[in-house]
């Protein structure tokens, strides 16, 4: 089963993708992770990525599609989760063509809907363990008073992303709505779109996604 997770920055796509990887043997295809991996791989495609990034330019859709093609050809396990791609309508067309060429199908597109104000409150209050990446929130999951991470059991620094502030987040949201939200209508027209509440608890969101994938 191949799926796309749609939603604005901070909606929880990464958290849900990690859960699907662990419980359904799916493979998460994150554009950022693929580019970093390719840059250090030494392959011909990796060299192209490294050259583009060294010039400070944006990696082309052609290169990203090439990286996805490599992943699709390496085996699929329980299927693929597309996280961070596609972002635009041309990318969606290119992905559809690639899946067809590889004999694959897109089985579900899940939009994680959020309220902007609630999302701003959530993201500007979050911190991350510098050791294991466990996420904390000033309001719902505060950093332990003793400074010991509940996941890795170690005392490490807890950091905030530089762009986890209200101004930067609202800019990221505007960029999402301008470029990526048209995909909602695109996949709705193809009868592939499902919508869930992205601001529920992690377990509630997991349950909503499972209900879609298992129906």
C-alpha atoms as a PDB file:
ATOM      1  CA  UNK A   1       0.000   0.000   0.000  1.00  0.00           C
ATOM      2  CA  UNK A   2       1.360   3.395  -1.024  1.00  0.00           C
ATOM      3  CA  UNK A   3       0.069   6.565   0.631  1.00  0.00           C
ATOM      4  CA  UNK A   4       0.617  10.308   0.800  1.00  0.00           C
ATOM      5  CA  UNK A   5       0.364  12.241   4.058  1.00  0.00           C
ATOM      6  CA  UNK A   6      -0.727  15.837   3.456  1.00  0.00           C
ATOM      7  CA  UNK A   7      -0.765  18.605   6.025  1.00  0.00           C
ATOM      8  CA  UNK A   8       0.929  21.858   7.006  1.00  0.00           C
ATOM      9  CA  UNK A   9       4.206  22.074   8.957  1.00  0.00           C
ATOM     10  CA  UNK A  10       3.779  20.689  12.453  1.00  0.00           C
ATOM     11  CA  UNK A  11       0.642  18.681  11.672  1.00  0.00           C
ATOM     12  CA  UNK A  12       2.377  15.503  12.825  1.00  0.00           C
ATOM     13  CA  UNK A  13       3.074  13.793   9.497  1.00  0.00           C
ATOM     14  CA  UNK A  14       6.513  12.621  10.592  1.00  0.00           C
ATOM     15  CA  UNK A  15       5.229  11.185  13.869  1.00  0.00           C
ATOM     16  CA  UNK A  16       2.519   9.225  12.091  1.00  0.00           C
ATOM     17  CA  UNK A  17       4.897   8.061   9.360  1.00  0.00           C
ATOM     18  CA  UNK A  18       7.282   6.657  11.983  1.00  0.00           C
ATOM     19  CA  UNK A  19       4.401   4.727  13.545  1.00  0.00           C
ATOM     20  CA  UNK A  20       3.424   3.233  10.183  1.00  0.00           C
ATOM     21  CA  UNK A  21       7.026   2.224   9.541  1.00  0.00           C
ATOM     22  CA  UNK A  22       7.164   0.436  12.908  1.00  0.00           C
ATOM     23  CA  UNK A  23       3.765  -1.245  12.766  1.00  0.00           C
ATOM     24  CA  UNK A  24       3.175  -1.931   9.070  1.00  0.00           C
ATOM     25  CA  UNK A  25       6.700  -2.361   7.673  1.00  0.00           C
ATOM     26  CA  UNK A  26       6.155   0.631   5.401  1.00  0.00           C
ATOM     27  CA  UNK A  27       9.011   2.724   4.037  1.00  0.00           C
ATOM     28  CA  UNK A  28       8.991   6.481   4.674  1.00  0.00           C
ATOM     29  CA  UNK A  29      10.179   8.508   1.712  1.00  0.00           C
ATOM     30  CA  UNK A  30      11.055  11.916   3.116  1.00  0.00           C
ATOM     31  CA  UNK A  31      12.459  14.298   0.517  1.00  0.00           C
ATOM     32  CA  UNK A  32      14.942  15.846   2.944  1.00  0.00           C
ATOM     33  CA  UNK A  33      16.232  12.473   4.133  1.00  0.00           C
ATOM     34  CA  UNK A  34      16.596  11.190   0.573  1.00  0.00           C
ATOM     35  CA  UNK A  35      18.568  14.244  -0.516  1.00  0.00           C
ATOM     36  CA  UNK A  36      20.950  13.998   2.449  1.00  0.00           C
ATOM     37  CA  UNK A  37      21.425  10.286   1.848  1.00  0.00           C
ATOM     38  CA  UNK A  38      22.029  10.767  -1.868  1.00  0.00           C
ATOM     39  CA  UNK A  39      24.520  13.600  -1.320  1.00  0.00           C
ATOM     40  CA  UNK A  40      26.737  11.274   0.711  1.00  0.00           C
ATOM     41  CA  UNK A  41      26.210   8.126  -1.390  1.00  0.00           C
ATOM     42  CA  UNK A  42      28.790   8.689  -4.111  1.00  0.00           C
ATOM     43  CA  UNK A  43      26.378   7.496  -6.832  1.00  0.00           C
ATOM     44  CA  UNK A  44      25.894   9.395 -10.079  1.00  0.00           C
ATOM     45  CA  UNK A  45      22.564  10.728  -8.831  1.00  0.00           C
ATOM     46  CA  UNK A  46      24.197  11.580  -5.517  1.00  0.00           C
ATOM     47  CA  UNK A  47      26.888  13.565  -7.262  1.00  0.00           C
ATOM     48  CA  UNK A  48      24.223  15.582  -9.102  1.00  0.00           C
ATOM     49  CA  UNK A  49      22.494  16.331  -5.816  1.00  0.00           C
ATOM     50  CA  UNK A  50      25.759  17.352  -4.147  1.00  0.00           C
ATOM     51  CA  UNK A  51      26.662  19.701  -7.014  1.00  0.00           C
ATOM     52  CA  UNK A  52      23.270  21.411  -6.941  1.00  0.00           C
ATOM     53  CA  UNK A  53      23.301  21.807  -3.170  1.00  0.00           C
ATOM     54  CA  UNK A  54      26.888  23.083  -3.238  1.00  0.00           C
ATOM     55  CA  UNK A  55      25.766  25.868  -5.575  1.00  0.00           C
ATOM     56  CA  UNK A  56      22.980  26.743  -3.144  1.00  0.00           C
ATOM     57  CA  UNK A  57      20.314  25.939  -5.711  1.00  0.00           C
ATOM     58  CA  UNK A  58      17.043  24.063  -5.268  1.00  0.00           C
ATOM     59  CA  UNK A  59      17.064  20.437  -6.339  1.00  0.00           C
ATOM     60  CA  UNK A  60      14.902  19.972  -9.431  1.00  0.00           C
ATOM     61  CA  UNK A  61      11.752  17.859  -9.557  1.00  0.00           C
ATOM     62  CA  UNK A  62      13.542  15.625 -12.056  1.00  0.00           C
ATOM     63  CA  UNK A  63      16.212  14.755  -9.495  1.00  0.00           C
ATOM     64  CA  UNK A  64      13.701  14.110  -6.710  1.00  0.00           C
ATOM     65  CA  UNK A  65      11.660  11.847  -8.979  1.00  0.00           C
ATOM     66  CA  UNK A  66      14.884  10.023  -9.876  1.00  0.00           C
ATOM     67  CA  UNK A  67      15.617   9.422  -6.200  1.00  0.00           C
ATOM     68  CA  UNK A  68      12.083   8.145  -5.615  1.00  0.00           C
ATOM     69  CA  UNK A  69      12.430   5.829  -8.610  1.00  0.00           C
ATOM     70  CA  UNK A  70      15.566   4.322  -7.049  1.00  0.00           C
ATOM     71  CA  UNK A  71      13.684   3.677  -3.812  1.00  0.00           C
ATOM     72  CA  UNK A  72      10.722   2.100  -5.595  1.00  0.00           C
ATOM     73  CA  UNK A  73      13.039  -0.243  -7.466  1.00  0.00           C
ATOM     74  CA  UNK A  74      14.763  -1.391  -4.262  1.00  0.00           C
ATOM     75  CA  UNK A  75      11.701  -3.179  -2.853  1.00  0.00           C
ATOM     76  CA  UNK A  76       8.622  -2.025  -1.045  1.00  0.00           C
ATOM     77  CA  UNK A  77       8.044  -3.997   2.181  1.00  0.00           C
ATOM     78  CA  UNK A  78       4.581  -2.953   3.308  1.00  0.00           C
ATOM     79  CA  UNK A  79       4.478  -0.026   0.890  1.00  0.00           C
ATOM     80  CA  UNK A  80       5.681   3.564   0.753  1.00  0.00           C
ATOM     81  CA  UNK A  81       4.727   6.706   2.660  1.00  0.00           C
ATOM     82  CA  UNK A  82       5.353   9.892   0.696  1.00  0.00           C
ATOM     83  CA  UNK A  83       6.172  12.589   3.247  1.00  0.00           C
ATOM     84  CA  UNK A  84       6.967  16.061   1.907  1.00  0.00           C
ATOM     85  CA  UNK A  85       6.395  15.066  -1.715  1.00  0.00           C
ATOM     86  CA  UNK A  86       4.530  15.972  -3.806  1.00  0.00           C
ATOM     87  CA  UNK A  87       4.332  19.657  -2.872  1.00  0.00           C
ATOM     88  CA  UNK A  88       2.952  21.037  -6.141  1.00  0.00           C
ATOM     89  CA  UNK A  89       0.552  19.946  -8.880  1.00  0.00           C
ATOM     90  CA  UNK A  90       3.350  19.267 -11.411  1.00  0.00           C
ATOM     91  CA  UNK A  91       5.054  17.062  -8.815  1.00  0.00           C
ATOM     92  CA  UNK A  92       1.785  15.193  -8.259  1.00  0.00           C
ATOM     93  CA  UNK A  93       1.499  14.528 -11.996  1.00  0.00           C
ATOM     94  CA  UNK A  94       5.124  13.348 -12.129  1.00  0.00           C
ATOM     95  CA  UNK A  95       4.627  11.034  -9.154  1.00  0.00           C
ATOM     96  CA  UNK A  96       1.518   9.511 -10.699  1.00  0.00           C
ATOM     97  CA  UNK A  97       3.385   8.833 -13.932  1.00  0.00           C
ATOM     98  CA  UNK A  98       6.339   7.322 -12.064  1.00  0.00           C
ATOM     99  CA  UNK A  99       4.139   4.985 -10.021  1.00  0.00           C
ATOM    100  CA  UNK A 100       2.434   3.813 -13.210  1.00  0.00           C
ATOM    101  CA  UNK A 101       5.791   3.156 -14.895  1.00  0.00           C
ATOM    102  CA  UNK A 102       6.922   1.121 -11.874  1.00  0.00           C
ATOM    103  CA  UNK A 103       3.713  -0.905 -11.772  1.00  0.00           C
ATOM    104  CA  UNK A 104       2.657   0.719  -8.498  1.00  0.00           C
ATOM    105  CA  UNK A 105      -0.546   2.410  -7.408  1.00  0.00           C
ATOM    106  CA  UNK A 106      -1.352   5.244  -5.024  1.00  0.00           C
ATOM    107  CA  UNK A 107      -3.837   3.793  -2.558  1.00  0.00           C
ATOM    108  CA  UNK A 108      -4.666   6.670  -0.215  1.00  0.00           C
ATOM    109  CA  UNK A 109      -4.055  10.381   0.302  1.00  0.00           C
ATOM    110  CA  UNK A 110      -4.668  11.452   3.886  1.00  0.00           C
ATOM    111  CA  UNK A 111      -5.039  15.122   4.723  1.00  0.00           C
ATOM    112  CA  UNK A 112      -4.264  15.903   8.355  1.00  0.00           C
ATOM    113  CA  UNK A 113      -6.480  18.926   8.960  1.00  0.00           C
ATOM    114  CA  UNK A 114      -5.488  21.426  11.636  1.00  0.00           C
ATOM    115  CA  UNK A 115      -6.594  24.759  13.041  1.00  0.00           C
ATOM    116  CA  UNK A 116      -3.903  27.376  12.414  1.00  0.00           C
ATOM    117  CA  UNK A 117      -4.110  29.004  15.832  1.00  0.00           C
ATOM    118  CA  UNK A 118      -4.002  25.682  17.662  1.00  0.00           C
ATOM    119  CA  UNK A 119      -1.076  24.640  15.478  1.00  0.00           C
ATOM    120  CA  UNK A 120       0.856  27.817  16.303  1.00  0.00           C
ATOM    121  CA  UNK A 121       0.275  27.191  20.009  1.00  0.00           C
ATOM    122  CA  UNK A 122       1.467  23.594  19.643  1.00  0.00           C
ATOM    123  CA  UNK A 123       4.608  24.264  17.630  1.00  0.00           C
ATOM    124  CA  UNK A 124       5.888  27.334  19.468  1.00  0.00           C
ATOM    125  CA  UNK A 125       5.748  25.353  22.725  1.00  0.00           C
ATOM    126  CA  UNK A 126       7.696  22.283  21.572  1.00  0.00           C
ATOM    127  CA  UNK A 127      11.224  21.188  22.443  1.00  0.00           C
ATOM    128  CA  UNK A 128      13.237  18.173  21.360  1.00  0.00           C
ATOM    129  CA  UNK A 129      15.734  15.929  23.158  1.00  0.00           C
ATOM    130  CA  UNK A 130      19.058  16.498  21.422  1.00  0.00           C
ATOM    131  CA  UNK A 131      19.978  12.833  21.930  1.00  0.00           C
ATOM    132  CA  UNK A 132      16.978  10.809  20.736  1.00  0.00           C
ATOM    133  CA  UNK A 133      14.648  13.381  19.169  1.00  0.00           C
ATOM    134  CA  UNK A 134      11.772  12.843  21.616  1.00  0.00           C
ATOM    135  CA  UNK A 135       9.375  15.800  21.401  1.00  0.00           C
ATOM    136  CA  UNK A 136       8.085  17.692  24.442  1.00  0.00           C
ATOM    137  CA  UNK A 137       5.536  20.470  24.761  1.00  0.00           C
ATOM    138  CA  UNK A 138       5.409  23.179  27.404  1.00  0.00           C
ATOM    139  CA  UNK A 139       1.637  22.729  27.752  1.00  0.00           C
ATOM    140  CA  UNK A 140       0.870  19.056  27.158  1.00  0.00           C
ATOM    141  CA  UNK A 141       4.150  17.208  27.788  1.00  0.00           C
ATOM    142  CA  UNK A 142       6.626  19.367  29.726  1.00  0.00           C
ATOM    143  CA  UNK A 143      10.308  18.533  29.933  1.00  0.00           C
ATOM    144  CA  UNK A 144      10.806  16.448  33.134  1.00  0.00           C
ATOM    145  CA  UNK A 145      11.837  18.530  36.138  1.00  0.00           C
ATOM    146  CA  UNK A 146      14.995  16.448  36.558  1.00  0.00           C
ATOM    147  CA  UNK A 147      16.007  17.060  32.931  1.00  0.00           C
ATOM    148  CA  UNK A 148      16.072  13.344  32.111  1.00  0.00           C
ATOM    149  CA  UNK A 149      14.422  12.367  28.824  1.00  0.00           C
ATOM    150  CA  UNK A 150      11.587   9.898  29.331  1.00  0.00           C
ATOM    151  CA  UNK A 151      12.483   8.038  26.128  1.00  0.00           C
ATOM    152  CA  UNK A 152      16.251   7.590  26.210  1.00  0.00           C
ATOM    153  CA  UNK A 153      16.633   7.920  29.971  1.00  0.00           C
ATOM    154  CA  UNK A 154      19.526  10.354  29.662  1.00  0.00           C
ATOM    155  CA  UNK A 155      20.022  13.971  30.682  1.00  0.00           C
ATOM    156  CA  UNK A 156      20.696  15.909  27.502  1.00  0.00           C
ATOM    157  CA  UNK A 157      20.029  19.374  26.172  1.00  0.00           C
ATOM    158  CA  UNK A 158      16.462  20.091  25.050  1.00  0.00           C
ATOM    159  CA  UNK A 159      16.385  22.367  22.023  1.00  0.00           C
ATOM    160  CA  UNK A 160      13.870  24.349  19.981  1.00  0.00           C
ATOM    161  CA  UNK A 161      14.060  24.683  16.203  1.00  0.00           C
ATOM    162  CA  UNK A 162      15.103  28.170  15.148  1.00  0.00           C
ATOM    163  CA  UNK A 163      11.984  28.458  12.966  1.00  0.00           C
ATOM    164  CA  UNK A 164       9.601  27.276  15.690  1.00  0.00           C
ATOM    165  CA  UNK A 165       8.471  30.817  16.409  1.00  0.00           C
ATOM    166  CA  UNK A 166       5.157  32.396  15.514  1.00  0.00           C
ATOM    167  CA  UNK A 167       6.371  34.633  12.677  1.00  0.00           C
ATOM    168  CA  UNK A 168       8.382  31.907  10.963  1.00  0.00           C
ATOM    169  CA  UNK A 169       5.607  29.353  11.391  1.00  0.00           C
ATOM    170  CA  UNK A 170       2.970  31.633   9.881  1.00  0.00           C
ATOM    171  CA  UNK A 171       5.275  32.196   6.903  1.00  0.00           C
ATOM    172  CA  UNK A 172       5.656  28.433   6.490  1.00  0.00           C
ATOM    173  CA  UNK A 173       1.894  28.006   6.699  1.00  0.00           C
ATOM    174  CA  UNK A 174       1.333  30.636   4.009  1.00  0.00           C
ATOM    175  CA  UNK A 175       3.863  28.887   1.761  1.00  0.00           C
ATOM    176  CA  UNK A 176       2.035  25.605   2.318  1.00  0.00           C
ATOM    177  CA  UNK A 177      -1.373  27.044   1.499  1.00  0.00           C
ATOM    178  CA  UNK A 178      -0.074  28.704  -1.670  1.00  0.00           C
ATOM    179  CA  UNK A 179       1.835  25.753  -3.104  1.00  0.00           C
ATOM    180  CA  UNK A 180       0.642  22.531  -1.511  1.00  0.00           C
ATOM    181  CA  UNK A 181      -3.006  22.945  -0.568  1.00  0.00           C
ATOM    182  CA  UNK A 182      -4.119  22.731  -4.254  1.00  0.00           C
ATOM    183  CA  UNK A 183      -3.212  19.047  -3.965  1.00  0.00           C
ATOM    184  CA  UNK A 184      -6.278  18.612  -1.751  1.00  0.00           C
ATOM    185  CA  UNK A 185      -8.577  19.419  -4.661  1.00  0.00           C
ATOM    186  CA  UNK A 186      -6.397  17.438  -7.067  1.00  0.00           C
ATOM    187  CA  UNK A 187      -6.691  14.200  -5.111  1.00  0.00           C
ATOM    188  CA  UNK A 188     -10.311  14.851  -4.144  1.00  0.00           C
ATOM    189  CA  UNK A 189     -11.160  14.954  -7.836  1.00  0.00           C
ATOM    190  CA  UNK A 190      -9.419  11.587  -8.228  1.00  0.00           C
ATOM    191  CA  UNK A 191     -11.527  10.176  -5.343  1.00  0.00           C
ATOM    192  CA  UNK A 192      -8.386   9.381  -3.336  1.00  0.00           C
ATOM    193  CA  UNK A 193      -8.631  11.946  -0.543  1.00  0.00           C
ATOM    194  CA  UNK A 194      -9.511  11.218   3.073  1.00  0.00           C
ATOM    195  CA  UNK A 195      -9.534  13.839   5.823  1.00  0.00           C
ATOM    196  CA  UNK A 196      -8.783  13.386   9.520  1.00  0.00           C
ATOM    197  CA  UNK A 197      -8.389  15.654  12.541  1.00  0.00           C
ATOM    198  CA  UNK A 198      -4.650  16.218  12.787  1.00  0.00           C
ATOM    199  CA  UNK A 199      -4.883  17.910  16.195  1.00  0.00           C
ATOM    200  CA  UNK A 200      -6.204  14.904  18.089  1.00  0.00           C
ATOM    201  CA  UNK A 201      -3.962  12.908  20.384  1.00  0.00           C
ATOM    202  CA  UNK A 202      -1.233  10.856  18.711  1.00  0.00           C
ATOM    203  CA  UNK A 203      -3.203   7.661  19.395  1.00  0.00           C
ATOM    204  CA  UNK A 204      -6.445   9.148  18.072  1.00  0.00           C
ATOM    205  CA  UNK A 205      -4.707  10.184  14.846  1.00  0.00           C
ATOM    206  CA  UNK A 206      -3.120   6.741  14.567  1.00  0.00           C
ATOM    207  CA  UNK A 207      -6.561   5.195  14.877  1.00  0.00           C
ATOM    208  CA  UNK A 208      -8.041   7.481  12.232  1.00  0.00           C
ATOM    209  CA  UNK A 209      -5.267   6.602   9.782  1.00  0.00           C
ATOM    210  CA  UNK A 210      -5.604   2.876  10.522  1.00  0.00           C
ATOM    211  CA  UNK A 211      -9.340   3.054   9.828  1.00  0.00           C
ATOM    212  CA  UNK A 212      -8.625   4.498   6.379  1.00  0.00           C
ATOM    213  CA  UNK A 213      -5.898   2.005   5.497  1.00  0.00           C
ATOM    214  CA  UNK A 214      -7.857  -1.034   6.713  1.00  0.00           C
ATOM    215  CA  UNK A 215     -11.204  -0.313   5.092  1.00  0.00           C
END
